[in-house]
C-alpha atoms as a PDB file:
ATOM      1  CA  MET A   1      23.424 167.233 172.928  1.00  0.00           C
ATOM      2  CA  SER A   2      24.431 165.304 175.492  1.00  0.00           C
ATOM      3  CA  GLY A   3      27.072 162.675 174.808  1.00  0.00           C
ATOM      4  CA  LEU A   4      28.048 163.722 171.280  1.00  0.00           C
ATOM      5  CA  SER A   5      31.038 165.720 170.213  1.00  0.00           C
ATOM      6  CA  ASP A   6      30.647 169.297 169.093  1.00  0.00           C
ATOM      7  CA  GLU A   7      32.982 168.341 166.243  1.00  0.00           C
ATOM      8  CA  PRO A   8      31.904 167.886 162.887  1.00  0.00           C
ATOM      9  CA  VAL A   9      31.534 163.923 161.749  1.00  0.00           C
ATOM     10  CA  THR A  10      33.621 162.906 158.821  1.00  0.00           C
ATOM     11  CA  MET A  11      32.739 159.680 156.661  1.00  0.00           C
ATOM     12  CA  LYS A  12      35.061 157.937 155.263  1.00  0.00           C
ATOM     13  CA  ARG A  13      34.362 157.711 151.484  1.00  0.00           C
ATOM     14  CA  VAL A  14      34.819 153.822 149.499  1.00  0.00           C
ATOM     15  CA  PRO A  15      36.064 154.629 146.059  1.00  0.00           C
ATOM     16  CA  LEU A  16      33.828 152.841 143.718  1.00  0.00           C
ATOM     17  CA  TYR A  17      37.081 152.457 140.832  1.00  0.00           C
ATOM     18  CA  SER A  18      40.013 152.116 141.472  1.00  0.00           C
ATOM     19  CA  ARG A  19      43.737 152.473 139.716  1.00  0.00           C
ATOM     20  CA  THR A  20      45.148 150.176 141.792  1.00  0.00           C
ATOM     21  CA  PRO A  21      46.307 146.920 140.384  1.00  0.00           C
ATOM     22  CA  ASP A  22      44.135 143.989 141.032  1.00  0.00           C
ATOM     23  CA  ARG A  23      46.557 142.562 143.726  1.00  0.00           C
ATOM     24  CA  THR A  24      46.740 146.557 145.383  1.00  0.00           C
ATOM     25  CA  ARG A  25      42.905 146.112 145.450  1.00  0.00           C
ATOM     26  CA  ALA A  26      42.371 142.829 147.247  1.00  0.00           C
ATOM     27  CA  ALA A  27      45.124 144.130 149.802  1.00  0.00           C
ATOM     28  CA  ALA A  28      42.570 147.089 150.724  1.00  0.00           C
ATOM     29  CA  GLY A  29      39.746 145.370 150.532  1.00  0.00           C
ATOM     30  CA  ARG A  30      41.266 142.954 153.407  1.00  0.00           C
ATOM     31  CA  GLU A  31      42.215 146.572 155.252  1.00  0.00           C
ATOM     32  CA  LEU A  32      38.651 147.695 155.189  1.00  0.00           C
ATOM     33  CA  ALA A  33      37.059 144.529 156.509  1.00  0.00           C
ATOM     34  CA  GLY A  34      40.058 144.681 159.752  1.00  0.00           C
ATOM     35  CA  GLU A  35      42.179 141.765 158.161  1.00  0.00           C
ATOM     36  CA  ALA A  36      46.137 141.953 158.417  1.00  0.00           C
ATOM     37  CA  PRO A  37      47.354 142.553 154.833  1.00  0.00           C
ATOM     38  CA  ASN A  38      49.471 139.569 153.229  1.00  0.00           C
ATOM     39  CA  GLU A  39      52.910 140.419 152.405  1.00  0.00           C
ATOM     40  CA  GLU A  40      53.760 140.232 148.782  1.00  0.00           C
ATOM     41  CA  PRO A  41      56.917 138.738 147.261  1.00  0.00           C
ATOM     42  CA  ASP A  42      59.536 141.329 145.680  1.00  0.00           C
ATOM     43  CA  ASP A  43      59.431 140.770 142.621  1.00  0.00           C
ATOM     44  CA  SER A  44      62.543 142.771 142.304  1.00  0.00           C
ATOM     45  CA  ALA A  45      64.213 140.671 144.674  1.00  0.00           C
ATOM     46  CA  ASP A  46      63.557 137.334 142.956  1.00  0.00           C
ATOM     47  CA  PRO A  47      62.010 137.672 139.392  1.00  0.00           C
ATOM     48  CA  PRO A  48      60.458 134.722 138.246  1.00  0.00           C
ATOM     49  CA  GLY A  49      62.649 132.897 135.380  1.00  0.00           C
ATOM     50  CA  TRP A  50      62.111 132.950 131.982  1.00  0.00           C
ATOM     51  CA  TRP A  51      60.400 129.177 131.478  1.00  0.00           C
ATOM     52  CA  ALA A  52      58.070 130.055 134.550  1.00  0.00           C
ATOM     53  CA  ARG A  53      56.799 132.924 132.753  1.00  0.00           C
ATOM     54  CA  THR A  54      56.583 131.570 129.468  1.00  0.00           C
ATOM     55  CA  GLY A  55      55.051 128.020 131.136  1.00  0.00           C
ATOM     56  CA  ARG A  56      52.060 130.250 132.795  1.00  0.00           C
ATOM     57  CA  ARG A  57      51.712 132.549 128.953  1.00  0.00           C
ATOM     58  CA  SER A  58      51.741 128.751 127.334  1.00  0.00           C
ATOM     59  CA  GLY A  59      49.279 127.672 129.848  1.00  0.00           C
ATOM     60  CA  ALA A  60      47.029 130.594 129.400  1.00  0.00           C
ATOM     61  CA  ALA A  61      47.298 130.397 125.714  1.00  0.00           C
ATOM     62  CA  ILE A  62      46.166 126.661 125.988  1.00  0.00           C
ATOM     63  CA  LYS A  63      43.674 127.729 127.848  1.00  0.00           C
ATOM     64  CA  ARG A  64      41.819 130.228 125.910  1.00  0.00           C
ATOM     65  CA  ASN A  65      42.222 128.140 122.588  1.00  0.00           C
ATOM     66  CA  GLU A  66      41.467 124.667 124.400  1.00  0.00           C
ATOM     67  CA  ARG A  67      39.646 123.230 121.497  1.00  0.00           C
ATOM     68  CA  TRP A  68      42.337 124.199 119.159  1.00  0.00           C
ATOM     69  CA  ALA A  69      44.683 122.625 121.584  1.00  0.00           C
ATOM     70  CA  TRP A  70      42.990 119.317 121.638  1.00  0.00           C
ATOM     71  CA  ALA A  71      42.839 119.139 117.430  1.00  0.00           C
ATOM     72  CA  ALA A  72      46.050 119.574 117.548  1.00  0.00           C
ATOM     73  CA  LEU A  73      47.097 116.957 120.120  1.00  0.00           C
ATOM     74  CA  ALA A  74      44.917 114.564 118.031  1.00  0.00           C
ATOM     75  CA  VAL A  75      46.648 115.479 114.555  1.00  0.00           C
ATOM     76  CA  LEU A  76      50.090 114.473 116.481  1.00  0.00           C
ATOM     77  CA  LEU A  77      49.263 111.414 117.632  1.00  0.00           C
ATOM     78  CA  ALA A  78      47.804 110.274 114.150  1.00  0.00           C
ATOM     79  CA  VAL A  79      50.982 111.335 112.509  1.00  0.00           C
ATOM     80  CA  VAL A  80      53.426 109.468 115.098  1.00  0.00           C
ATOM     81  CA  ALA A  81      50.562 106.026 114.785  1.00  0.00           C
ATOM     82  CA  GLY A  82      51.293 105.985 111.145  1.00  0.00           C
ATOM     83  CA  TRP A  83      55.113 106.644 111.177  1.00  0.00           C
ATOM     84  CA  PRO A  84      56.031 102.881 111.148  1.00  0.00           C
ATOM     85  CA  ALA A  85      53.604 102.101 108.663  1.00  0.00           C
ATOM     86  CA  TRP A  86      55.022 104.760 106.372  1.00  0.00           C
ATOM     87  CA  THR A  87      58.526 103.313 107.230  1.00  0.00           C
ATOM     88  CA  LEU A  88      57.625 100.417 106.144  1.00  0.00           C
ATOM     89  CA  ARG A  89      55.967 100.823 102.709  1.00  0.00           C
ATOM     90  CA  GLU A  90      59.472 102.953 102.230  1.00  0.00           C
ATOM     91  CA  ARG A  91      61.779 100.400 103.595  1.00  0.00           C
ATOM     92  CA  GLN A  92      59.418  96.767 102.810  1.00  0.00           C
ATOM     93  CA  ILE A  93      61.049  93.813 103.668  1.00  0.00           C
ATOM     94  CA  PRO A  94      61.920  91.329 100.778  1.00  0.00           C
ATOM     95  CA  THR A  95      59.627  88.678  99.613  1.00  0.00           C
ATOM     96  CA  PHE A  96      61.304  85.073  99.220  1.00  0.00           C
ATOM     97  CA  GLU A  97      60.362  85.094  94.997  1.00  0.00           C
ATOM     98  CA  GLN A  98      62.141  88.312  95.252  1.00  0.00           C
ATOM     99  CA  ILE A  99      65.469  87.113  96.729  1.00  0.00           C
ATOM    100  CA  ASP A 100      65.060  83.916  94.820  1.00  0.00           C
ATOM    101  CA  HIS A 101      64.588  86.031  91.546  1.00  0.00           C
ATOM    102  CA  ALA A 102      67.960  88.698  92.270  1.00  0.00           C
ATOM    103  CA  MET A 103      69.934  85.390  93.217  1.00  0.00           C
ATOM    104  CA  ARG A 104      68.957  83.346  89.562  1.00  0.00           C
ATOM    105  CA  GLU A 105      69.783  86.935  88.179  1.00  0.00           C
ATOM    106  CA  SER A 106      73.347  87.448  89.847  1.00  0.00           C
ATOM    107  CA  ILE A 107      74.095  83.624  89.029  1.00  0.00           C
ATOM    108  CA  ALA A 108      73.115  84.342  85.416  1.00  0.00           C
ATOM    109  CA  LYS A 109      75.389  87.370  85.451  1.00  0.00           C
ATOM    110  CA  GLU A 110      78.480  85.417  87.324  1.00  0.00           C
ATOM    111  CA  PRO A 111      77.847  81.500  87.247  1.00  0.00           C
ATOM    112  CA  LEU A 112      79.477  79.933  90.635  1.00  0.00           C
ATOM    113  CA  GLN A 113      82.217  77.715  89.522  1.00  0.00           C
ATOM    114  CA  SER A 114      81.822  73.957  90.732  1.00  0.00           C
ATOM    115  CA  ALA A 115      83.598  72.158  93.254  1.00  0.00           C
ATOM    116  CA  ALA A 116      84.998  69.817  91.178  1.00  0.00           C
ATOM    117  CA  ALA A 117      86.745  72.687  88.971  1.00  0.00           C
ATOM    118  CA  ASN A 118      88.203  74.615  91.972  1.00  0.00           C
ATOM    119  CA  ALA A 119      89.572  71.210  92.961  1.00  0.00           C
ATOM    120  CA  TYR A 120      91.166  70.499  89.710  1.00  0.00           C
ATOM    121  CA  GLU A 121      92.547  73.983  89.326  1.00  0.00           C
ATOM    122  CA  ALA A 122      94.144  73.498  93.432  1.00  0.00           C
ATOM    123  CA  VAL A 123      95.695  70.214  92.091  1.00  0.00           C
ATOM    124  CA  ILE A 124      96.615  70.491  88.499  1.00  0.00           C
ATOM    125  CA  GLY A 125      99.856  72.049  88.593  1.00  0.00           C
ATOM    126  CA  SER A 126     101.186  69.160  90.462  1.00  0.00           C
ATOM    127  CA  VAL A 127      99.918  66.717  88.170  1.00  0.00           C
ATOM    128  CA  VAL A 128     102.311  65.142  85.613  1.00  0.00           C
ATOM    129  CA  ARG A 129     102.369  62.726  82.426  1.00  0.00           C
ATOM    130  CA  VAL A 130     104.542  59.628  83.261  1.00  0.00           C
ATOM    131  CA  VAL A 131     105.894  57.724  80.138  1.00  0.00           C
ATOM    132  CA  GLY A 132     107.983  54.022  81.228  1.00  0.00           C
ATOM    133  CA  GLU A 133     110.026  53.178  77.854  1.00  0.00           C
ATOM    134  CA  GLN A 134     110.892  49.409  77.540  1.00  0.00           C
ATOM    135  CA  PRO A 135     114.340  48.519  76.979  1.00  0.00           C
ATOM    136  CA  PRO A 136     115.370  47.744  73.378  1.00  0.00           C
ATOM    137  CA  GLY A 137     115.987  43.944  73.559  1.00  0.00           C
ATOM    138  CA  ARG A 138     112.260  43.352  74.494  1.00  0.00           C
ATOM    139  CA  PRO A 139     110.985  41.132  71.602  1.00  0.00           C
ATOM    140  CA  ASP A 140     108.328  42.895  69.417  1.00  0.00           C
ATOM    141  CA  PRO A 141     105.334  43.970  70.701  1.00  0.00           C
ATOM    142  CA  LYS A 142     102.001  42.132  69.738  1.00  0.00           C
ATOM    143  CA  GLU A 143      99.534  43.993  67.827  1.00  0.00           C
ATOM    144  CA  GLY A 144      98.171  46.719  69.849  1.00  0.00           C
ATOM    145  CA  GLU A 145     101.055  47.168  72.235  1.00  0.00           C
ATOM    146  CA  GLN A 146     103.559  49.897  72.709  1.00  0.00           C
ATOM    147  CA  HIS A 147     107.128  49.769  73.601  1.00  0.00           C
ATOM    148  CA  LYS A 148     106.118  52.095  76.613  1.00  0.00           C
ATOM    149  CA  SER A 149     103.630  52.419  78.989  1.00  0.00           C
ATOM    150  CA  VAL A 150     101.376  55.499  80.206  1.00  0.00           C
ATOM    151  CA  GLY A 151     100.441  56.797  83.142  1.00  0.00           C
ATOM    152  CA  SER A 152     100.135  59.631  85.621  1.00  0.00           C
ATOM    153  CA  GLY A 153     101.773  61.079  88.717  1.00  0.00           C
ATOM    154  CA  VAL A 154     101.680  63.714  91.272  1.00  0.00           C
ATOM    155  CA  VAL A 155     104.370  65.677  92.660  1.00  0.00           C
ATOM    156  CA  ILE A 156     104.161  65.731  96.486  1.00  0.00           C
ATOM    157  CA  VAL A 157     107.636  67.711  97.392  1.00  0.00           C
ATOM    158  CA  ASP A 158     108.274  70.761  95.066  1.00  0.00           C
ATOM    159  CA  LYS A 159     111.952  69.861  94.618  1.00  0.00           C
ATOM    160  CA  GLY A 160     110.349  66.894  92.257  1.00  0.00           C
ATOM    161  CA  ILE A 161     109.473  64.158  94.081  1.00  0.00           C
ATOM    162  CA  ILE A 162     106.635  62.342  92.156  1.00  0.00           C
ATOM    163  CA  LEU A 163     104.380  59.304  93.386  1.00  0.00           C
ATOM    164  CA  THR A 164     102.934  57.515  90.582  1.00  0.00           C
ATOM    165  CA  ASN A 165     102.343  53.476  90.449  1.00  0.00           C
ATOM    166  CA  LEU A 166     105.082  50.965  90.116  1.00  0.00           C
ATOM    167  CA  HIS A 167     103.331  49.084  87.104  1.00  0.00           C
ATOM    168  CA  VAL A 168     103.348  52.270  84.862  1.00  0.00           C
ATOM    169  CA  VAL A 169     107.592  52.335  84.933  1.00  0.00           C
ATOM    170  CA  HIS A 170     108.437  48.390  86.159  1.00  0.00           C
ATOM    171  CA  GLY A 171     111.015  47.432  84.135  1.00  0.00           C
ATOM    172  CA  ALA A 172     111.419  50.829  82.189  1.00  0.00           C
ATOM    173  CA  SER A 173     114.767  51.774  80.942  1.00  0.00           C
ATOM    174  CA  ARG A 174     114.133  55.061  80.780  1.00  0.00           C
ATOM    175  CA  ILE A 175     111.253  56.949  82.546  1.00  0.00           C
ATOM    176  CA  LYS A 176     110.362  60.560  81.015  1.00  0.00           C
ATOM    177  CA  ILE A 177     107.577  62.990  82.845  1.00  0.00           C
ATOM    178  CA  THR A 178     105.825  65.685  81.429  1.00  0.00           C
ATOM    179  CA  TYR A 179     104.645  69.178  83.823  1.00  0.00           C
ATOM    180  CA  ALA A 180     101.066  70.519  83.515  1.00  0.00           C
ATOM    181  CA  ASN A 181     102.997  73.889  81.993  1.00  0.00           C
ATOM    182  CA  GLY A 182     104.248  71.197  79.145  1.00  0.00           C
ATOM    183  CA  MET A 183     108.240  71.097  80.359  1.00  0.00           C
ATOM    184  CA  GLU A 184     109.757  67.488  79.600  1.00  0.00           C
ATOM    185  CA  SER A 185     112.253  66.104  82.165  1.00  0.00           C
ATOM    186  CA  GLU A 186     113.962  62.639  82.529  1.00  0.00           C
ATOM    187  CA  ALA A 187     112.958  61.178  85.970  1.00  0.00           C
ATOM    188  CA  SER A 188     114.784  58.256  87.862  1.00  0.00           C
ATOM    189  CA  LEU A 189     113.358  55.853  90.389  1.00  0.00           C
ATOM    190  CA  ILE A 190     114.492  56.129  93.749  1.00  0.00           C
ATOM    191  CA  ASN A 191     111.957  54.009  95.623  1.00  0.00           C
ATOM    192  CA  VAL A 192     109.524  51.488  95.397  1.00  0.00           C
ATOM    193  CA  GLN A 193     106.381  49.619  97.395  1.00  0.00           C
ATOM    194  CA  PRO A 194     105.447  46.318  95.623  1.00  0.00           C
ATOM    195  CA  GLU A 195     102.806  45.768  98.162  1.00  0.00           C
ATOM    196  CA  ASN A 196     100.932  48.769  97.410  1.00  0.00           C
ATOM    197  CA  ASP A 197     101.703  48.969  93.639  1.00  0.00           C
ATOM    198  CA  LEU A 198     103.685  52.495  94.390  1.00  0.00           C
ATOM    199  CA  ALA A 199     106.962  54.170  92.901  1.00  0.00           C
ATOM    200  CA  VAL A 200     108.874  57.345  93.827  1.00  0.00           C
ATOM    201  CA  LEU A 201     110.401  59.039  91.316  1.00  0.00           C
ATOM    202  CA  GLN A 202     112.987  61.957  91.053  1.00  0.00           C
ATOM    203  CA  ALA A 203     112.861  64.538  88.242  1.00  0.00           C
ATOM    204  CA  ALA A 204     116.290  65.680  86.695  1.00  0.00           C
ATOM    205  CA  SER A 205     114.789  69.240  86.173  1.00  0.00           C
ATOM    206  CA  ARG A 206     111.492  71.202  86.791  1.00  0.00           C
ATOM    207  CA  PRO A 207     109.673  74.237  86.556  1.00  0.00           C
ATOM    208  CA  ASP A 208     111.103  77.113  88.749  1.00  0.00           C
ATOM    209  CA  GLU A 209     107.597  77.855  90.507  1.00  0.00           C
ATOM    210  CA  LEU A 210     106.278  74.021  90.949  1.00  0.00           C
ATOM    211  CA  GLU A 211     104.133  73.113  93.575  1.00  0.00           C
ATOM    212  CA  ALA A 212     103.534  70.114  95.600  1.00  0.00           C
ATOM    213  CA  ALA A 213     100.677  68.874  95.892  1.00  0.00           C
ATOM    214  CA  THR A 214      98.222  69.258  99.595  1.00  0.00           C
ATOM    215  CA  MET A 215      97.926  65.467 101.051  1.00  0.00           C
ATOM    216  CA  ARG A 216      95.075  64.882 103.737  1.00  0.00           C
ATOM    217  CA  SER A 217      94.747  62.157 105.454  1.00  0.00           C
ATOM    218  CA  THR A 218      91.832  59.410 105.032  1.00  0.00           C
ATOM    219  CA  GLY A 219      90.655  59.331 108.546  1.00  0.00           C
ATOM    220  CA  GLY A 220      87.524  61.676 107.757  1.00  0.00           C
ATOM    221  CA  LEU A 221      86.515  59.982 104.731  1.00  0.00           C
ATOM    222  CA  ARG A 222      83.687  58.601 104.298  1.00  0.00           C
ATOM    223  CA  PRO A 223      81.594  56.722 101.658  1.00  0.00           C
ATOM    224  CA  GLY A 224      79.661  59.389  99.676  1.00  0.00           C
ATOM    225  CA  ASP A 225      82.118  62.074  99.806  1.00  0.00           C
ATOM    226  CA  GLU A 226      82.462  63.768  96.355  1.00  0.00           C
ATOM    227  CA  VAL A 227      85.791  63.497  94.935  1.00  0.00           C
ATOM    228  CA  ILE A 228      87.819  63.822  91.462  1.00  0.00           C
ATOM    229  CA  ALA A 229      90.178  61.392  89.432  1.00  0.00           C
ATOM    230  CA  VAL A 230      93.112  63.387  87.652  1.00  0.00           C
ATOM    231  CA  GLY A 231      95.499  62.002  85.108  1.00  0.00           C
ATOM    232  CA  HIS A 232      96.071  60.972  81.415  1.00  0.00           C
ATOM    233  CA  PRO A 233      93.557  58.377  80.389  1.00  0.00           C
ATOM    234  CA  PHE A 234      94.728  56.602  77.345  1.00  0.00           C
ATOM    235  CA  GLY A 235      97.614  59.326  77.123  1.00  0.00           C
ATOM    236  CA  ILE A 236      94.633  62.099  76.812  1.00  0.00           C
ATOM    237  CA  GLY A 237      95.190  65.092  79.205  1.00  0.00           C
ATOM    238  CA  PRO A 238      95.601  66.076  81.712  1.00  0.00           C
ATOM    239  CA  SER A 239      91.713  64.946  82.443  1.00  0.00           C
ATOM    240  CA  VAL A 240      89.205  65.302  85.340  1.00  0.00           C
ATOM    241  CA  SER A 241      86.311  63.243  86.540  1.00  0.00           C
ATOM    242  CA  GLN A 242      83.976  63.489  89.090  1.00  0.00           C
ATOM    243  CA  GLY A 243      82.691  60.772  91.450  1.00  0.00           C
ATOM    244  CA  VAL A 244      82.118  59.754  95.297  1.00  0.00           C
ATOM    245  CA  VAL A 245      83.837  57.619  97.304  1.00  0.00           C
ATOM    246  CA  SER A 246      82.132  54.082  96.997  1.00  0.00           C
ATOM    247  CA  GLY A 247      83.732  52.312 100.050  1.00  0.00           C
ATOM    248  CA  LEU A 248      86.912  51.910 102.534  1.00  0.00           C
ATOM    249  CA  LYS A 249      89.122  49.248 102.820  1.00  0.00           C
ATOM    250  CA  ARG A 250      88.162  47.268  99.779  1.00  0.00           C
ATOM    251  CA  GLU A 251      90.475  44.252  98.251  1.00  0.00           C
ATOM    252  CA  PHE A 252      91.922  44.158  94.955  1.00  0.00           C
ATOM    253  CA  ARG A 253      93.158  41.103  92.716  1.00  0.00           C
ATOM    254  CA  SER A 254      94.768  41.238  89.195  1.00  0.00           C
ATOM    255  CA  PRO A 255      93.271  39.645  86.582  1.00  0.00           C
ATOM    256  CA  GLU A 256      96.219  37.504  86.472  1.00  0.00           C
ATOM    257  CA  GLY A 257      95.886  36.770  90.412  1.00  0.00           C
ATOM    258  CA  LYS A 258      99.627  37.593  90.538  1.00  0.00           C
ATOM    259  CA  ARG A 259      98.666  40.645  92.538  1.00  0.00           C
ATOM    260  CA  ILE A 260      96.966  41.581  95.882  1.00  0.00           C
ATOM    261  CA  LEU A 261      95.957  44.926  97.184  1.00  0.00           C
ATOM    262  CA  THR A 262      94.408  45.850 100.483  1.00  0.00           C
ATOM    263  CA  ASN A 263      93.029  48.569 102.336  1.00  0.00           C
ATOM    264  CA  LEU A 264      91.886  50.282  98.958  1.00  0.00           C
ATOM    265  CA  ILE A 265      89.535  53.212  98.551  1.00  0.00           C
ATOM    266  CA  GLN A 266      87.093  52.500  96.345  1.00  0.00           C
ATOM    267  CA  PHE A 267      85.502  55.430  93.935  1.00  0.00           C
ATOM    268  CA  ASP A 268      83.288  55.382  90.939  1.00  0.00           C
ATOM    269  CA  ALA A 269      85.130  58.622  89.191  1.00  0.00           C
ATOM    270  CA  ALA A 270      85.707  57.732  85.529  1.00  0.00           C
ATOM    271  CA  ALA A 271      89.243  56.114  85.426  1.00  0.00           C
ATOM    272  CA  ASN A 272      90.893  53.951  82.752  1.00  0.00           C
ATOM    273  CA  PRO A 273      94.281  52.873  81.908  1.00  0.00           C
ATOM    274  CA  GLY A 274      96.419  56.185  81.914  1.00  0.00           C
ATOM    275  CA  ASN A 275      94.835  57.292  85.264  1.00  0.00           C
ATOM    276  CA  SER A 276      97.023  54.886  86.904  1.00  0.00           C
ATOM    277  CA  GLY A 277      99.391  56.944  89.214  1.00  0.00           C
ATOM    278  CA  GLY A 278      97.532  59.867  89.240  1.00  0.00           C
ATOM    279  CA  PRO A 279      95.587  61.752  92.336  1.00  0.00           C
ATOM    280  CA  LEU A 280      92.181  61.157  93.808  1.00  0.00           C
ATOM    281  CA  VAL A 281      91.466  64.286  95.210  1.00  0.00           C
ATOM    282  CA  THR A 282      88.563  65.780  97.598  1.00  0.00           C
ATOM    283  CA  THR A 283      86.673  68.850  96.737  1.00  0.00           C
ATOM    284  CA  ASP A 284      88.590  71.169  98.883  1.00  0.00           C
ATOM    285  CA  GLY A 285      91.688  70.382  96.709  1.00  0.00           C
ATOM    286  CA  HIS A 286      93.535  67.533  98.726  1.00  0.00           C
ATOM    287  CA  VAL A 287      95.018  64.377  97.730  1.00  0.00           C
ATOM    288  CA  VAL A 288      93.681  61.310  99.650  1.00  0.00           C
ATOM    289  CA  GLY A 289      94.859  58.580  97.188  1.00  0.00           C
ATOM    290  CA  ILE A 290      96.712  57.491  94.217  1.00  0.00           C
ATOM    291  CA  VAL A 291      94.399  55.787  91.507  1.00  0.00           C
ATOM    292  CA  THR A 292      96.212  52.504  90.923  1.00  0.00           C
ATOM    293  CA  ALA A 293      93.486  49.628  89.804  1.00  0.00           C
ATOM    294  CA  ILE A 294      89.939  49.421  87.581  1.00  0.00           C
ATOM    295  CA  MET A 295      87.889  46.465  87.940  1.00  0.00           C
ATOM    296  CA  ASN A 296      86.159  44.926  84.729  1.00  0.00           C
ATOM    297  CA  PRO A 297      85.646  41.250  84.527  1.00  0.00           C
ATOM    298  CA  THR A 298      85.852  41.661  80.631  1.00  0.00           C
ATOM    299  CA  GLU A 299      89.116  41.940  78.491  1.00  0.00           C
ATOM    300  CA  ALA A 300      88.506  45.280  77.269  1.00  0.00           C
ATOM    301  CA  ARG A 301      90.385  46.975  80.677  1.00  0.00           C
ATOM    302  CA  THR A 302      88.001  49.802  80.595  1.00  0.00           C
ATOM    303  CA  PHE A 303      86.216  51.483  83.108  1.00  0.00           C
ATOM    304  CA  ILE A 304      82.481  50.053  84.346  1.00  0.00           C
ATOM    305  CA  GLY A 305      82.068  52.087  87.455  1.00  0.00           C
ATOM    306  CA  ILE A 306      84.726  50.612  90.029  1.00  0.00           C
ATOM    307  CA  GLY A 307      87.821  52.449  90.551  1.00  0.00           C
ATOM    308  CA  PHE A 308      90.465  51.323  93.508  1.00  0.00           C
ATOM    309  CA  ALA A 309      93.333  54.044  95.082  1.00  0.00           C
ATOM    310  CA  VAL A 310      96.086  53.546  97.553  1.00  0.00           C
ATOM    311  CA  PRO A 311      95.484  55.454 100.506  1.00  0.00           C
ATOM    312  CA  ILE A 312      97.719  58.499 100.575  1.00  0.00           C
ATOM    313  CA  GLU A 313      99.138  57.484 104.288  1.00  0.00           C
ATOM    314  CA  ASN A 314     100.426  54.472 102.399  1.00  0.00           C
ATOM    315  CA  ALA A 315     101.957  56.407  99.743  1.00  0.00           C
ATOM    316  CA  ALA A 316     103.751  59.038 101.670  1.00  0.00           C
ATOM    317  CA  ALA A 317     105.196  56.215 103.546  1.00  0.00           C
ATOM    318  CA  ALA A 318     106.940  55.102 100.228  1.00  0.00           C
ATOM    319  CA  ALA A 319     108.258  58.687  99.957  1.00  0.00           C
ATOM    320  CA  GLY A 320     109.598  58.409 103.346  1.00  0.00           C
ATOM    321  CA  LEU A 321     107.230  61.473 104.445  1.00  0.00           C
ATOM    322  CA  PRO A 322     106.228  61.411 108.318  1.00  0.00           C
ATOM    323  CA  PRO A 323     102.476  59.857 108.790  1.00  0.00           C
ATOM    324  CA  PHE A 324      99.806  62.032 109.001  1.00  0.00           C
END
């Protein structure tokens, strides 16, 4: 036959199945179609990392179990959403009633000490009882009177310098003091300030651990501030009474009209004969005045609600101490 070769024709057989991996079969198919084969990456040269392999496996697993994956995600979100509520239930914020109940229980077990008690403890070691004995030649006293006057005083310098009222020791031939711990001593008069009814004493002996009172300026003192008066009313004591500052810059005239005191602190803490010369103390334990008089229009000479104290600035000046 013309135009035809005498050589037998061989037909290329296309395999129906192959053991070649999928990517090899794909390459073979491209070759049959006349396409250039794609260059495959060399796995041995740059093997995929562990994270990449794991990611592919996880993604495949999630895709195969997509319904279970969505269910697990829903459960996780529910747990996260409910966590703050569980936390609050475990750590509940206490209510006002619970706080109030706890405070009342605490106070019942260990009651708080009052401000007056704290002030008293701060000053009591410096308060003394003062007795002025009159000279033997004095005429016999009237009924109810004694040959001595009893008042109070306060230590302002730890070497035994004491402030008191002049009328407590005026004309006394002998002055005796008794400290808070019971120790007794004689004292001598070293200075006076008659215009403020003040006297300064020097004790002959004193306790080893004698502490002077802390004094404070009256510059910041205001009506309504709480104060205590400490002393020996009617010789009983030491005693303490509590009140407030009733006024400032007051004037007092003695019942006989022989004595006029000015620039006084008015207070309503109970004071009676024997409180004279004792300290007027703020609730922080600082001395702001020296109790000097009470007002009573009757002859009873007892407290009716108005007492007077000399400001500590005047008292310190009487003792030769520098002003505040």
